[in-house]
All heavy atoms as atom14 arrays in JSON, in Angstrom:
{
  "sequence": "QESVEELWVLSDGVQLPLLKLLLEQIPHRVERWIHTDGTPVIPLDWIN",
  "atom14_mask": [
    [1, 1, 1, 1, 1, 1, 1, 1, 1, 0, 0, 0, 0, 0],
    [1, 1, 1, 1, 1, 1, 1, 1, 1, 0, 0, 0, 0, 0],
    [1, 1, 1, 1, 1, 1, 0, 0, 0, 0, 0, 0, 0, 0],
    [1, 1, 1, 1, 1, 1, 1, 0, 0, 0, 0, 0, 0, 0],
    [1, 1, 1, 1, 1, 1, 1, 1, 1, 0, 0, 0, 0, 0],
    [1, 1, 1, 1, 1, 1, 1, 1, 1, 0, 0, 0, 0, 0],
    [1, 1, 1, 1, 1, 1, 1, 1, 0, 0, 0, 0, 0, 0],
    [1, 1, 1, 1, 1, 1, 1, 1, 1, 1, 1, 1, 1, 1],
    [1, 1, 1, 1, 1, 1, 1, 0, 0, 0, 0, 0, 0, 0],
    [1, 1, 1, 1, 1, 1, 1, 1, 0, 0, 0, 0, 0, 0],
    [1, 1, 1, 1, 1, 1, 0, 0, 0, 0, 0, 0, 0, 0],
    [1, 1, 1, 1, 1, 1, 1, 1, 0, 0, 0, 0, 0, 0],
    [1, 1, 1, 1, 0, 0, 0, 0, 0, 0, 0, 0, 0, 0],
    [1, 1, 1, 1, 1, 1, 1, 0, 0, 0, 0, 0, 0, 0],
    [1, 1, 1, 1, 1, 1, 1, 1, 1, 0, 0, 0, 0, 0],
    [1, 1, 1, 1, 1, 1, 1, 1, 0, 0, 0, 0, 0, 0],
    [1, 1, 1, 1, 1, 1, 1, 0, 0, 0, 0, 0, 0, 0],
    [1, 1, 1, 1, 1, 1, 1, 1, 0, 0, 0, 0, 0, 0],
    [1, 1, 1, 1, 1, 1, 1, 1, 0, 0, 0, 0, 0, 0],
    [1, 1, 1, 1, 1, 1, 1, 1, 1, 0, 0, 0, 0, 0],
    [1, 1, 1, 1, 1, 1, 1, 1, 0, 0, 0, 0, 0, 0],
    [1, 1, 1, 1, 1, 1, 1, 1, 0, 0, 0, 0, 0, 0],
    [1, 1, 1, 1, 1, 1, 1, 1, 0, 0, 0, 0, 0, 0],
    [1, 1, 1, 1, 1, 1, 1, 1, 1, 0, 0, 0, 0, 0],
    [1, 1, 1, 1, 1, 1, 1, 1, 1, 0, 0, 0, 0, 0],
    [1, 1, 1, 1, 1, 1, 1, 1, 0, 0, 0, 0, 0, 0],
    [1, 1, 1, 1, 1, 1, 1, 0, 0, 0, 0, 0, 0, 0],
    [1, 1, 1, 1, 1, 1, 1, 1, 1, 1, 0, 0, 0, 0],
    [1, 1, 1, 1, 1, 1, 1, 1, 1, 1, 1, 0, 0, 0],
    [1, 1, 1, 1, 1, 1, 1, 0, 0, 0, 0, 0, 0, 0],
    [1, 1, 1, 1, 1, 1, 1, 1, 1, 0, 0, 0, 0, 0],
    [1, 1, 1, 1, 1, 1, 1, 1, 1, 1, 1, 0, 0, 0],
    [1, 1, 1, 1, 1, 1, 1, 1, 1, 1, 1, 1, 1, 1],
    [1, 1, 1, 1, 1, 1, 1, 1, 0, 0, 0, 0, 0, 0],
    [1, 1, 1, 1, 1, 1, 1, 1, 1, 1, 0, 0, 0, 0],
    [1, 1, 1, 1, 1, 1, 1, 0, 0, 0, 0, 0, 0, 0],
    [1, 1, 1, 1, 1, 1, 1, 1, 0, 0, 0, 0, 0, 0],
    [1, 1, 1, 1, 0, 0, 0, 0, 0, 0, 0, 0, 0, 0],
    [1, 1, 1, 1, 1, 1, 1, 0, 0, 0, 0, 0, 0, 0],
    [1, 1, 1, 1, 1, 1, 1, 0, 0, 0, 0, 0, 0, 0],
    [1, 1, 1, 1, 1, 1, 1, 0, 0, 0, 0, 0, 0, 0],
    [1, 1, 1, 1, 1, 1, 1, 1, 0, 0, 0, 0, 0, 0],
    [1, 1, 1, 1, 1, 1, 1, 0, 0, 0, 0, 0, 0, 0],
    [1, 1, 1, 1, 1, 1, 1, 1, 0, 0, 0, 0, 0, 0],
    [1, 1, 1, 1, 1, 1, 1, 1, 0, 0, 0, 0, 0, 0],
    [1, 1, 1, 1, 1, 1, 1, 1, 1, 1, 1, 1, 1, 1],
    [1, 1, 1, 1, 1, 1, 1, 1, 0, 0, 0, 0, 0, 0],
    [1, 1, 1, 1, 1, 1, 1, 1, 0, 0, 0, 0, 0, 0]
  ],
  "atom14_positions": [
    [[-40.86, -16.7, 2.65], [-41.7, -16.3, 3.77], [-41.51, -14.84, 4.13], [-42.42, -14.16, 4.54], [-41.43, -17.18, 4.98], [-41.65, -18.63, 4.72], [-43.1, -18.94, 4.39], [-43.98, -18.36, 4.93], [-43.31, -19.89, 3.47], [0.0, 0.0, 0.0], [0.0, 0.0, 0.0], [0.0, 0.0, 0.0], [0.0, 0.0, 0.0], [0.0, 0.0, 0.0]],
    [[-40.25, -14.36, 4.03], [-39.96, -13.02, 4.43], [-40.15, -12.06, 3.24], [-39.94, -12.41, 2.1], [-38.49, -12.88, 4.88], [-38.22, -13.7, 6.14], [-36.77, -13.65, 6.52], [-36.05, -12.73, 6.1], [-36.35, -14.51, 7.32], [0.0, 0.0, 0.0], [0.0, 0.0, 0.0], [0.0, 0.0, 0.0], [0.0, 0.0, 0.0], [0.0, 0.0, 0.0]],
    [[-40.48, -10.85, 3.53], [-40.68, -9.82, 2.52], [-39.29, -9.37, 2.0], [-38.37, -9.18, 2.74], [-41.43, -8.6, 3.08], [-41.64, -7.68, 2.07], [0.0, 0.0, 0.0], [0.0, 0.0, 0.0], [0.0, 0.0, 0.0], [0.0, 0.0, 0.0], [0.0, 0.0, 0.0], [0.0, 0.0, 0.0], [0.0, 0.0, 0.0], [0.0, 0.0, 0.0]],
    [[-39.21, -9.19, 0.71], [-38.02, -8.7, 0.06], [-38.16, -7.18, -0.07], [-39.22, -6.7, -0.49], [-37.86, -9.35, -1.35], [-36.69, -8.74, -2.09], [-37.72, -10.85, -1.21], [0.0, 0.0, 0.0], [0.0, 0.0, 0.0], [0.0, 0.0, 0.0], [0.0, 0.0, 0.0], [0.0, 0.0, 0.0], [0.0, 0.0, 0.0], [0.0, 0.0, 0.0]],
    [[-37.16, -6.45, 0.34], [-37.25, -4.99, 0.29], [-37.33, -4.52, -1.18], [-38.24, -3.78, -1.55], [-36.05, -4.37, 0.99], [-36.06, -2.85, 0.96], [-37.19, -2.2, 1.71], [-37.71, -2.78, 2.67], [-37.6, -1.12, 1.29], [0.0, 0.0, 0.0], [0.0, 0.0, 0.0], [0.0, 0.0, 0.0], [0.0, 0.0, 0.0], [0.0, 0.0, 0.0]],
    [[-36.38, -4.98, -1.99], [-36.29, -4.45, -3.36], [-36.17, -5.67, -4.3], [-35.3, -6.51, -4.17], [-35.06, -3.59, -3.48], [-34.98, -2.67, -4.6], [-33.82, -1.73, -4.48], [-32.69, -2.17, -4.17], [-34.06, -0.53, -4.65], [0.0, 0.0, 0.0], [0.0, 0.0, 0.0], [0.0, 0.0, 0.0], [0.0, 0.0, 0.0], [0.0, 0.0, 0.0]],
    [[-37.05, -5.69, -5.25], [-37.07, -6.82, -6.24], [-36.85, -6.21, -7.59], [-37.57, -5.35, -8.08], [-38.46, -7.53, -6.21], [-38.57, -8.78, -7.07], [-37.6, -9.85, -6.67], [-39.99, -9.3, -7.0], [0.0, 0.0, 0.0], [0.0, 0.0, 0.0], [0.0, 0.0, 0.0], [0.0, 0.0, 0.0], [0.0, 0.0, 0.0], [0.0, 0.0, 0.0]],
    [[-35.76, -6.66, -8.23], [-35.38, -6.21, -9.58], [-35.96, -7.2, -10.56], [-35.81, -8.4, -10.39], [-33.9, -6.11, -9.71], [-33.28, -4.97, -8.89], [-33.05, -4.98, -7.57], [-32.95, -3.69, -9.4], [-32.55, -3.78, -7.22], [-32.42, -2.95, -8.32], [-32.97, -3.1, -10.65], [-31.99, -1.65, -8.42], [-32.52, -1.82, -10.78], [-32.03, -1.07, -9.68]],
    [[-36.56, -6.69, -11.62], [-37.12, -7.53, -12.67], [-36.39, -7.2, -14.0], [-36.52, -6.06, -14.48], [-38.65, -7.26, -12.85], [-39.22, -8.19, -13.87], [-39.35, -7.42, -11.5], [0.0, 0.0, 0.0], [0.0, 0.0, 0.0], [0.0, 0.0, 0.0], [0.0, 0.0, 0.0], [0.0, 0.0, 0.0], [0.0, 0.0, 0.0], [0.0, 0.0, 0.0]],
    [[-35.7, -8.17, -14.55], [-34.97, -8.03, -15.78], [-35.81, -8.67, -16.86], [-36.05, -9.84, -16.84], [-33.6, -8.67, -15.66], [-32.63, -8.5, -16.81], [-32.37, -7.08, -17.13], [-31.33, -9.27, -16.47], [0.0, 0.0, 0.0], [0.0, 0.0, 0.0], [0.0, 0.0, 0.0], [0.0, 0.0, 0.0], [0.0, 0.0, 0.0], [0.0, 0.0, 0.0]],
    [[-36.31, -7.84, -17.84], [-37.24, -8.31, -18.8], [-36.88, -8.0, -20.24], [-36.39, -6.9, -20.49], [-38.66, -7.78, -18.48], [-39.57, -8.13, -19.49], [0.0, 0.0, 0.0], [0.0, 0.0, 0.0], [0.0, 0.0, 0.0], [0.0, 0.0, 0.0], [0.0, 0.0, 0.0], [0.0, 0.0, 0.0], [0.0, 0.0, 0.0], [0.0, 0.0, 0.0]],
    [[-37.12, -8.94, -21.12], [-36.98, -8.69, -22.53], [-38.35, -8.76, -23.22], [-38.45, -8.87, -24.44], [-35.99, -9.66, -23.19], [-36.36, -11.12, -22.96], [-37.44, -11.4, -22.39], [-35.55, -11.97, -23.38], [0.0, 0.0, 0.0], [0.0, 0.0, 0.0], [0.0, 0.0, 0.0], [0.0, 0.0, 0.0], [0.0, 0.0, 0.0], [0.0, 0.0, 0.0]],
    [[-39.41, -8.78, -22.4], [-40.76, -8.87, -22.95], [-41.21, -10.28, -23.21], [-42.36, -10.47, -23.61], [0.0, 0.0, 0.0], [0.0, 0.0, 0.0], [0.0, 0.0, 0.0], [0.0, 0.0, 0.0], [0.0, 0.0, 0.0], [0.0, 0.0, 0.0], [0.0, 0.0, 0.0], [0.0, 0.0, 0.0], [0.0, 0.0, 0.0], [0.0, 0.0, 0.0]],
    [[-40.41, -11.28, -22.95], [-40.72, -12.68, -23.18], [-41.06, -13.31, -21.82], [-40.5, -12.89, -20.79], [-39.53, -13.42, -23.82], [-39.84, -14.88, -24.02], [-39.21, -12.74, -25.14], [0.0, 0.0, 0.0], [0.0, 0.0, 0.0], [0.0, 0.0, 0.0], [0.0, 0.0, 0.0], [0.0, 0.0, 0.0], [0.0, 0.0, 0.0], [0.0, 0.0, 0.0]],
    [[-42.0, -14.22, -21.81], [-42.35, -14.96, -20.59], [-42.93, -14.05, -19.51], [-42.7, -14.25, -18.29], [-41.16, -15.74, -20.03], [-40.65, -16.85, -20.9], [-41.53, -18.05, -20.78], [-42.2, -18.29, -19.79], [-41.52, -18.89, -21.8], [0.0, 0.0, 0.0], [0.0, 0.0, 0.0], [0.0, 0.0, 0.0], [0.0, 0.0, 0.0], [0.0, 0.0, 0.0]],
    [[-43.7, -13.08, -19.88], [-44.38, -12.23, -18.92], [-45.28, -12.98, -17.95], [-45.35, -12.64, -16.76], [-45.14, -11.11, -19.61], [-44.29, -10.02, -20.27], [-45.12, -9.03, -21.0], [-43.39, -9.35, -19.25], [0.0, 0.0, 0.0], [0.0, 0.0, 0.0], [0.0, 0.0, 0.0], [0.0, 0.0, 0.0], [0.0, 0.0, 0.0], [0.0, 0.0, 0.0]],
    [[-46.0, -14.04, -18.38], [-46.82, -14.82, -17.41], [-45.98, -15.4, -16.28], [-46.38, -15.42, -15.13], [-47.46, -15.84, -18.26], [-47.55, -15.25, -19.63], [-46.29, -14.46, -19.78], [0.0, 0.0, 0.0], [0.0, 0.0, 0.0], [0.0, 0.0, 0.0], [0.0, 0.0, 0.0], [0.0, 0.0, 0.0], [0.0, 0.0, 0.0], [0.0, 0.0, 0.0]],
    [[-44.73, -15.86, -16.61], [-43.85, -16.42, -15.59], [-43.43, -15.32, -14.61], [-43.46, -15.52, -13.42], [-42.66, -17.06, -16.2], [-41.53, -17.49, -15.23], [-42.05, -18.59, -14.29], [-40.3, -17.96, -16.0], [0.0, 0.0, 0.0], [0.0, 0.0, 0.0], [0.0, 0.0, 0.0], [0.0, 0.0, 0.0], [0.0, 0.0, 0.0], [0.0, 0.0, 0.0]],
    [[-43.05, -14.12, -15.15], [-42.65, -13.06, -14.3], [-43.82, -12.64, -13.38], [-43.62, -12.33, -12.23], [-42.18, -11.83, -15.15], [-40.86, -12.06, -15.89], [-40.55, -10.87, -16.75], [-39.75, -12.4, -14.92], [0.0, 0.0, 0.0], [0.0, 0.0, 0.0], [0.0, 0.0, 0.0], [0.0, 0.0, 0.0], [0.0, 0.0, 0.0], [0.0, 0.0, 0.0]],
    [[-45.03, -12.61, -13.96], [-46.19, -12.2, -13.14], [-46.43, -13.19, -12.02], [-46.71, -12.82, -10.9], [-47.4, -12.1, -14.06], [-48.67, -11.66, -13.33], [-49.84, -11.51, -14.21], [-51.04, -10.98, -13.46], [-52.22, -10.85, -14.29], [0.0, 0.0, 0.0], [0.0, 0.0, 0.0], [0.0, 0.0, 0.0], [0.0, 0.0, 0.0], [0.0, 0.0, 0.0]],
    [[-46.29, -14.46, -12.32], [-46.47, -15.51, -11.27], [-45.46, -15.32, -10.17], [-45.8, -15.35, -9.0], [-46.35, -16.85, -11.89], [-46.47, -18.06, -10.93], [-47.88, -18.11, -10.35], [-46.15, -19.37, -11.64], [0.0, 0.0, 0.0], [0.0, 0.0, 0.0], [0.0, 0.0, 0.0], [0.0, 0.0, 0.0], [0.0, 0.0, 0.0], [0.0, 0.0, 0.0]],
    [[-44.2, -15.14, -10.52], [-43.16, -14.89, -9.53], [-43.4, -13.66, -8.68], [-43.29, -13.66, -7.47], [-41.78, -14.82, -10.18], [-41.24, -16.13, -10.77], [-39.96, -15.88, -11.57], [-41.0, -17.2, -9.69], [0.0, 0.0, 0.0], [0.0, 0.0, 0.0], [0.0, 0.0, 0.0], [0.0, 0.0, 0.0], [0.0, 0.0, 0.0], [0.0, 0.0, 0.0]],
    [[-43.83, -12.56, -9.38], [-44.05, -11.3, -8.65], [-45.2, -11.43, -7.64], [-45.18, -10.86, -6.59], [-44.38, -10.2, -9.64], [-43.22, -9.65, -10.46], [-43.69, -8.77, -11.59], [-42.28, -8.86, -9.54], [0.0, 0.0, 0.0], [0.0, 0.0, 0.0], [0.0, 0.0, 0.0], [0.0, 0.0, 0.0], [0.0, 0.0, 0.0], [0.0, 0.0, 0.0]],
    [[-46.23, -12.19, -8.03], [-47.39, -12.38, -7.15], [-47.03, -13.26, -5.93], [-47.67, -13.11, -4.9], [-48.53, -13.05, -7.9], [-49.18, -12.12, -8.93], [-50.2, -12.81, -9.81], [-50.27, -14.06, -9.78], [-50.9, -12.11, -10.56], [0.0, 0.0, 0.0], [0.0, 0.0, 0.0], [0.0, 0.0, 0.0], [0.0, 0.0, 0.0], [0.0, 0.0, 0.0]],
    [[-46.02, -14.09, -6.04], [-45.73, -15.01, -4.95], [-44.55, -14.55, -4.07], [-44.26, -15.19, -3.1], [-45.46, -16.41, -5.54], [-46.67, -16.98, -6.17], [-46.49, -18.39, -6.66], [-45.58, -19.09, -6.23], [-47.28, -18.8, -7.61], [0.0, 0.0, 0.0], [0.0, 0.0, 0.0], [0.0, 0.0, 0.0], [0.0, 0.0, 0.0], [0.0, 0.0, 0.0]],
    [[-43.91, -13.47, -4.47], [-42.77, -13.02, -3.66], [-43.21, -11.72, -2.99], [-43.4, -10.68, -3.61], [-41.52, -12.67, -4.59], [-41.1, -13.98, -5.32], [-40.41, -12.12, -3.76], [-40.11, -13.7, -6.4], [0.0, 0.0, 0.0], [0.0, 0.0, 0.0], [0.0, 0.0, 0.0], [0.0, 0.0, 0.0], [0.0, 0.0, 0.0], [0.0, 0.0, 0.0]],
    [[-43.33, -11.73, -1.66], [-43.67, -10.5, -0.93], [-42.52, -9.5, -1.12], [-41.38, -9.85, -0.84], [-43.85, -10.97, 0.49], [-43.51, -12.41, 0.57], [-43.15, -12.89, -0.77], [0.0, 0.0, 0.0], [0.0, 0.0, 0.0], [0.0, 0.0, 0.0], [0.0, 0.0, 0.0], [0.0, 0.0, 0.0], [0.0, 0.0, 0.0], [0.0, 0.0, 0.0]],
    [[-42.87, -8.32, -1.58], [-41.81, -7.32, -1.77], [-42.43, -5.92, -1.64], [-43.62, -5.72, -1.79], [-41.11, -7.45, -3.13], [-42.07, -7.35, -4.32], [-42.88, -8.36, -4.71], [-42.26, -6.31, -5.15], [-43.59, -7.95, -5.73], [-43.23, -6.7, -6.05], [0.0, 0.0, 0.0], [0.0, 0.0, 0.0], [0.0, 0.0, 0.0], [0.0, 0.0, 0.0]],
    [[-41.53, -4.97, -1.32], [-41.98, -3.55, -1.12], [-41.77, -2.7, -2.41], [-42.63, -1.97, -2.77], [-41.2, -2.94, 0.04], [-41.63, -3.55, 1.37], [-40.88, -2.91, 2.52], [-40.74, -1.48, 2.41], [-41.49, -0.6, 3.03], [-42.43, -0.98, 3.84], [-41.29, 0.69, 2.89], [0.0, 0.0, 0.0], [0.0, 0.0, 0.0], [0.0, 0.0, 0.0]],
    [[-40.63, -2.87, -3.02], [-40.3, -2.03, -4.17], [-39.97, -2.93, -5.36], [-39.3, -3.91, -5.21], [-39.04, -1.12, -3.86], [-38.66, -0.33, -5.08], [-39.31, -0.24, -2.66], [0.0, 0.0, 0.0], [0.0, 0.0, 0.0], [0.0, 0.0, 0.0], [0.0, 0.0, 0.0], [0.0, 0.0, 0.0], [0.0, 0.0, 0.0], [0.0, 0.0, 0.0]],
    [[-40.46, -2.55, -6.5], [-40.27, -3.3, -7.74], [-39.52, -2.41, -8.7], [-39.98, -1.26, -8.97], [-41.67, -3.61, -8.32], [-41.78, -4.86, -9.09], [-43.22, -5.12, -9.36], [-43.91, -5.73, -8.49], [-43.71, -4.73, -10.45], [0.0, 0.0, 0.0], [0.0, 0.0, 0.0], [0.0, 0.0, 0.0], [0.0, 0.0, 0.0], [0.0, 0.0, 0.0]],
    [[-38.4, -2.83, -9.23], [-37.63, -2.08, -10.17], [-37.51, -2.89, -11.46], [-36.96, -3.99, -11.45], [-36.29, -1.69, -9.65], [-36.38, -0.92, -8.35], [-35.11, -0.23, -8.03], [-35.13, 0.35, -6.7], [-35.63, 1.53, -6.41], [-36.16, 2.27, -7.35], [-35.59, 1.98, -5.21], [0.0, 0.0, 0.0], [0.0, 0.0, 0.0], [0.0, 0.0, 0.0]],
    [[-38.0, -2.36, -12.57], [-37.95, -3.03, -13.89], [-36.82, -2.51, -14.7], [-36.59, -1.28, -14.81], [-39.25, -2.77, -14.64], [-40.42, -3.59, -14.11], [-41.14, -3.34, -13.0], [-40.97, -4.77, -14.7], [-42.14, -4.3, -12.85], [-42.01, -5.18, -13.92], [-40.67, -5.5, -15.86], [-42.81, -6.32, -14.19], [-41.42, -6.6, -16.17], [-42.49, -7.02, -15.32]],
    [[-36.12, -3.43, -15.34], [-35.11, -3.12, -16.32], [-35.44, -3.86, -17.62], [-35.66, -5.08, -17.6], [-33.69, -3.56, -15.82], [-33.42, -2.81, -14.56], [-32.65, -3.3, -16.89], [-32.37, -3.45, -13.73], [0.0, 0.0, 0.0], [0.0, 0.0, 0.0], [0.0, 0.0, 0.0], [0.0, 0.0, 0.0], [0.0, 0.0, 0.0], [0.0, 0.0, 0.0]],
    [[-35.57, -3.09, -18.66], [-35.97, -3.64, -19.96], [-34.79, -3.68, -20.92], [-34.1, -2.66, -21.1], [-37.08, -2.81, -20.58], [-38.3, -2.68, -19.69], [-39.25, -3.66, -19.66], [-38.64, -1.75, -18.8], [-40.14, -3.31, -18.76], [-39.83, -2.17, -18.24], [0.0, 0.0, 0.0], [0.0, 0.0, 0.0], [0.0, 0.0, 0.0], [0.0, 0.0, 0.0]],
    [[-34.53, -4.82, -21.47], [-33.41, -4.95, -22.39], [-33.85, -4.59, -23.82], [-33.04, -4.36, -24.67], [-32.86, -6.39, -22.43], [-33.89, -7.32, -22.77], [-32.32, -6.75, -21.07], [0.0, 0.0, 0.0], [0.0, 0.0, 0.0], [0.0, 0.0, 0.0], [0.0, 0.0, 0.0], [0.0, 0.0, 0.0], [0.0, 0.0, 0.0], [0.0, 0.0, 0.0]],
    [[-35.16, -4.52, -24.02], [-35.68, -4.05, -25.27], [-35.84, -2.54, -25.21], [-35.95, -1.98, -24.16], [-37.03, -4.73, -25.53], [-37.61, -4.48, -26.91], [-36.89, -3.89, -27.74], [-38.75, -4.9, -27.17], [0.0, 0.0, 0.0], [0.0, 0.0, 0.0], [0.0, 0.0, 0.0], [0.0, 0.0, 0.0], [0.0, 0.0, 0.0], [0.0, 0.0, 0.0]],
    [[-35.89, -1.88, -26.37], [-35.99, -0.47, -26.4], [-37.3, 0.07, -25.89], [-37.41, 1.16, -25.38], [0.0, 0.0, 0.0], [0.0, 0.0, 0.0], [0.0, 0.0, 0.0], [0.0, 0.0, 0.0], [0.0, 0.0, 0.0], [0.0, 0.0, 0.0], [0.0, 0.0, 0.0], [0.0, 0.0, 0.0], [0.0, 0.0, 0.0], [0.0, 0.0, 0.0]],
    [[-38.37, -0.72, -25.95], [-39.65, -0.29, -25.49], [-40.15, -1.22, -24.38], [-40.25, -2.43, -24.6], [-40.71, -0.26, -26.62], [-40.72, -1.54, -27.24], [-40.36, 0.8, -27.65], [0.0, 0.0, 0.0], [0.0, 0.0, 0.0], [0.0, 0.0, 0.0], [0.0, 0.0, 0.0], [0.0, 0.0, 0.0], [0.0, 0.0, 0.0], [0.0, 0.0, 0.0]],
    [[-40.47, -0.74, -23.21], [-40.9, -1.6, -22.13], [-42.24, -2.27, -22.45], [-43.09, -1.7, -23.1], [-41.12, -0.61, -20.97], [-40.43, 0.62, -21.32], [-40.33, 0.65, -22.83], [0.0, 0.0, 0.0], [0.0, 0.0, 0.0], [0.0, 0.0, 0.0], [0.0, 0.0, 0.0], [0.0, 0.0, 0.0], [0.0, 0.0, 0.0], [0.0, 0.0, 0.0]],
    [[-42.34, -3.49, -22.03], [-43.58, -4.24, -22.25], [-44.07, -4.65, -20.86], [-43.56, -5.55, -20.23], [-43.35, -5.54, -23.03], [-44.64, -6.31, -23.2], [-42.73, -5.18, -24.39], [0.0, 0.0, 0.0], [0.0, 0.0, 0.0], [0.0, 0.0, 0.0], [0.0, 0.0, 0.0], [0.0, 0.0, 0.0], [0.0, 0.0, 0.0], [0.0, 0.0, 0.0]],
    [[-45.04, -3.89, -20.38], [-45.7, -4.17, -19.08], [-47.2, -4.15, -19.32], [-47.72, -3.1, -19.74], [-45.29, -3.16, -17.97], [-43.81, -3.11, -17.78], [-45.98, -3.51, -16.68], [-43.36, -2.03, -16.78], [0.0, 0.0, 0.0], [0.0, 0.0, 0.0], [0.0, 0.0, 0.0], [0.0, 0.0, 0.0], [0.0, 0.0, 0.0], [0.0, 0.0, 0.0]],
    [[-47.88, -5.24, -19.07], [-49.35, -5.22, -19.25], [-49.96, -4.18, -18.4], [-49.55, -3.9, -17.26], [-49.72, -6.63, -18.79], [-48.52, -7.45, -18.98], [-47.37, -6.52, -18.67], [0.0, 0.0, 0.0], [0.0, 0.0, 0.0], [0.0, 0.0, 0.0], [0.0, 0.0, 0.0], [0.0, 0.0, 0.0], [0.0, 0.0, 0.0], [0.0, 0.0, 0.0]],
    [[-51.01, -3.51, -18.9], [-51.67, -2.41, -18.22], [-52.16, -2.8, -16.83], [-52.11, -1.99, -15.91], [-52.78, -1.84, -19.04], [-52.37, -1.08, -20.31], [-53.63, -0.65, -21.05], [-51.52, 0.06, -19.98], [0.0, 0.0, 0.0], [0.0, 0.0, 0.0], [0.0, 0.0, 0.0], [0.0, 0.0, 0.0], [0.0, 0.0, 0.0], [0.0, 0.0, 0.0]],
    [[-52.61, -4.01, -16.66], [-53.16, -4.42, -15.33], [-52.08, -4.58, -14.27], [-52.35, -4.76, -13.11], [-54.01, -5.7, -15.45], [-53.23, -6.89, -15.9], [-52.21, -6.75, -16.63], [-53.58, -8.02, -15.54], [0.0, 0.0, 0.0], [0.0, 0.0, 0.0], [0.0, 0.0, 0.0], [0.0, 0.0, 0.0], [0.0, 0.0, 0.0], [0.0, 0.0, 0.0]],
    [[-50.78, -4.53, -14.66], [-49.67, -4.59, -13.71], [-49.27, -3.23, -13.17], [-48.68, -3.11, -12.17], [-48.44, -5.26, -14.31], [-48.58, -6.67, -14.7], [-49.75, -7.37, -14.81], [-47.55, -7.53, -15.01], [-49.48, -8.65, -15.22], [-48.11, -8.78, -15.34], [-46.16, -7.41, -15.05], [-47.35, -9.85, -15.68], [-45.4, -8.5, -15.4], [-46.02, -9.74, -15.71]],
    [[-49.54, -2.21, -13.94], [-49.09, -0.86, -13.6], [-49.88, -0.36, -12.39], [-51.09, -0.5, -12.32], [-49.26, 0.1, -14.81], [-48.38, -0.39, -15.95], [-48.9, 1.54, -14.43], [-48.57, 0.34, -17.25], [0.0, 0.0, 0.0], [0.0, 0.0, 0.0], [0.0, 0.0, 0.0], [0.0, 0.0, 0.0], [0.0, 0.0, 0.0], [0.0, 0.0, 0.0]],
    [[-49.16, 0.2, -11.43], [-49.73, 0.79, -10.2], [-50.49, -0.21, -9.35], [-51.35, 0.16, -8.62], [-50.69, 1.95, -10.57], [-50.0, 3.05, -11.28], [-48.82, 3.37, -11.0], [-50.61, 3.65, -12.27], [0.0, 0.0, 0.0], [0.0, 0.0, 0.0], [0.0, 0.0, 0.0], [0.0, 0.0, 0.0], [0.0, 0.0, 0.0], [0.0, 0.0, 0.0]]
  ]
}
């Protein structure tokens, strides 16, 4: 119910639909992504 100030997203590029669902349902102000793969995988419609 409460907004989260900072939400960290740890991603290996797998299960992006699950991450997207969680991100949409968690009210938050700042999103910080950490990629364990050498190249970040973020769908274009998520950026900005």
